[in-house]
Each structure stands twice: as structure tokens, then as C-alpha cells.
Amino acid sequence: MQDRRFDGVIKHVDKNNGYAFIENSETRRVFDRDIFVDIKLLPPSADRKGDDISFELMVGRRGFPEASNCK
């Protein structure tokens, strides 16, 4: 699943704690979870629940998938 882009929708945003979760059916089937993203990596136009987002995957510091290169 590396070296590809995925399209998803922002499912949850926690601006106070600086993170969000992205919903994507393909990544959900593989990882059985939504994709975490640091809110600083989101483009200014995608900062609310329901916004469309394009992203790549990376392994996060806890070993779980995280979004990177968000557009």
C-alpha cells in the first residue's frame, strides 16, 4: 500500500489535541481502523468533518498507519 495515493473523507477532527482521522474503505479493510493524521499535515481547505482528502500512507511512531502528503 506504499507509494500510492488514497482518497478519503475526514471522519473526526480534534483541533484541541491536534489530530484527525480519515475514513477510507480500502485502508479500513487492510488495517481495520481509520487513518490517523497530524492536523498540521492537513491542507487549509480540509480541516472539517466530511471534507475530502487525498493522502499517502506511512508507518507512524506507534507502528500504525498514518496519513502523509495530504492534499
C-alpha atoms as a PDB file:
ATOM      1  CA  MET A   1       0.000   0.000   0.000  1.00  0.00           C
ATOM      2  CA  GLN A   2       3.043   2.237  -0.064  1.00  0.00           C
ATOM      3  CA  ASP A   3       3.828   4.596  -2.920  1.00  0.00           C
ATOM      4  CA  ARG A   4       0.167   5.202  -3.760  1.00  0.00           C
ATOM      5  CA  ARG A   5      -2.429   7.840  -3.081  1.00  0.00           C
ATOM      6  CA  PHE A   6      -5.770   7.201  -1.452  1.00  0.00           C
ATOM      7  CA  ASP A   7      -8.907   9.313  -1.422  1.00  0.00           C
ATOM      8  CA  GLY A   8     -10.844   9.595   1.788  1.00  0.00           C
ATOM      9  CA  VAL A   9     -13.068  11.742   3.937  1.00  0.00           C
ATOM     10  CA  ILE A  10     -12.200  13.352   7.236  1.00  0.00           C
ATOM     11  CA  LYS A  11     -14.206  11.450   9.825  1.00  0.00           C
ATOM     12  CA  HIS A  12     -13.162  13.193  13.042  1.00  0.00           C
ATOM     13  CA  VAL A  13     -11.142  16.315  13.896  1.00  0.00           C
ATOM     14  CA  ASP A  14      -9.804  17.174  17.349  1.00  0.00           C
ATOM     15  CA  LYS A  15      -8.283  20.633  16.969  1.00  0.00           C
ATOM     16  CA  ASN A  16      -7.509  20.911  20.700  1.00  0.00           C
ATOM     17  CA  ASN A  17      -5.255  17.836  20.601  1.00  0.00           C
ATOM     18  CA  GLY A  18      -4.011  18.355  17.031  1.00  0.00           C
ATOM     19  CA  TYR A  19      -5.157  15.243  15.219  1.00  0.00           C
ATOM     20  CA  ALA A  20      -7.802  13.912  12.856  1.00  0.00           C
ATOM     21  CA  PHE A  21      -8.917  10.589  11.401  1.00  0.00           C
ATOM     22  CA  ILE A  22      -9.514   9.830   7.734  1.00  0.00           C
ATOM     23  CA  GLU A  23     -12.041   7.273   6.542  1.00  0.00           C
ATOM     24  CA  ASN A  24     -11.198   5.143   3.502  1.00  0.00           C
ATOM     25  CA  SER A  25     -12.827   1.768   2.756  1.00  0.00           C
ATOM     26  CA  GLU A  26      -9.721   0.196   1.191  1.00  0.00           C
ATOM     27  CA  THR A  27      -7.378   1.041   4.067  1.00  0.00           C
ATOM     28  CA  ARG A  28     -10.103   0.045   6.557  1.00  0.00           C
ATOM     29  CA  ARG A  29     -10.237  -3.472   5.040  1.00  0.00           C
ATOM     30  CA  VAL A  30      -6.476  -3.882   5.416  1.00  0.00           C
ATOM     31  CA  PHE A  31      -5.852  -2.202   8.788  1.00  0.00           C
ATOM     32  CA  ASP A  32      -9.303  -2.443  10.407  1.00  0.00           C
ATOM     33  CA  ARG A  33      -9.095   1.195  11.502  1.00  0.00           C
ATOM     34  CA  ASP A  34      -9.377   4.764  10.275  1.00  0.00           C
ATOM     35  CA  ILE A  35      -6.149   6.527   9.347  1.00  0.00           C
ATOM     36  CA  PHE A  36      -4.621   8.924  11.878  1.00  0.00           C
ATOM     37  CA  VAL A  37      -3.234  12.253  10.668  1.00  0.00           C
ATOM     38  CA  ASP A  38      -1.473  15.072  12.486  1.00  0.00           C
ATOM     39  CA  ILE A  39      -3.665  18.131  11.932  1.00  0.00           C
ATOM     40  CA  LYS A  40      -0.590  20.153  10.845  1.00  0.00           C
ATOM     41  CA  LEU A  41      -0.340  17.908   7.767  1.00  0.00           C
ATOM     42  CA  LEU A  42      -3.840  18.762   6.526  1.00  0.00           C
ATOM     43  CA  PRO A  43      -4.189  21.374   3.781  1.00  0.00           C
ATOM     44  CA  PRO A  44      -6.020  24.559   4.847  1.00  0.00           C
ATOM     45  CA  SER A  45      -9.014  23.615   2.709  1.00  0.00           C
ATOM     46  CA  ALA A  46      -9.554  20.298   4.548  1.00  0.00           C
ATOM     47  CA  ASP A  47      -9.990  20.852   8.253  1.00  0.00           C
ATOM     48  CA  ARG A  48     -13.585  19.802   8.996  1.00  0.00           C
ATOM     49  CA  LYS A  49     -15.510  16.566   9.296  1.00  0.00           C
ATOM     50  CA  GLY A  50     -16.764  15.500   5.862  1.00  0.00           C
ATOM     51  CA  ASP A  51     -14.020  17.243   3.861  1.00  0.00           C
ATOM     52  CA  ASP A  52     -12.461  15.225   1.031  1.00  0.00           C
ATOM     53  CA  ILE A  53      -8.763  14.441   1.356  1.00  0.00           C
ATOM     54  CA  SER A  54      -6.106  12.669  -0.698  1.00  0.00           C
ATOM     55  CA  PHE A  55      -3.209  11.077   1.179  1.00  0.00           C
ATOM     56  CA  GLU A  56      -0.321   8.619   1.178  1.00  0.00           C
ATOM     57  CA  LEU A  57       0.441   6.128   3.928  1.00  0.00           C
ATOM     58  CA  MET A  58       3.425   5.879   6.230  1.00  0.00           C
ATOM     59  CA  VAL A  59       4.109   3.860   9.367  1.00  0.00           C
ATOM     60  CA  GLY A  60       3.624   6.088  12.398  1.00  0.00           C
ATOM     61  CA  ARG A  61       5.667   6.180  15.578  1.00  0.00           C
ATOM     62  CA  ARG A  62       3.390   3.612  17.245  1.00  0.00           C
ATOM     63  CA  GLY A  63       3.666   1.249  14.294  1.00  0.00           C
ATOM     64  CA  PHE A  64       0.198   2.058  12.939  1.00  0.00           C
ATOM     65  CA  PRO A  65      -0.575   3.575   9.529  1.00  0.00           C
ATOM     66  CA  GLU A  66      -0.701   7.373   9.355  1.00  0.00           C
ATOM     67  CA  ALA A  67      -1.529   9.779   6.554  1.00  0.00           C
ATOM     68  CA  SER A  68       1.191  11.869   4.963  1.00  0.00           C
ATOM     69  CA  ASN A  69       1.490  14.168   1.957  1.00  0.00           C
ATOM     70  CA  CYS A  70      -2.158  15.209   2.313  1.00  0.00           C
ATOM     71  CA  LYS A  71      -3.825  17.189  -0.473  1.00  0.00           C
END
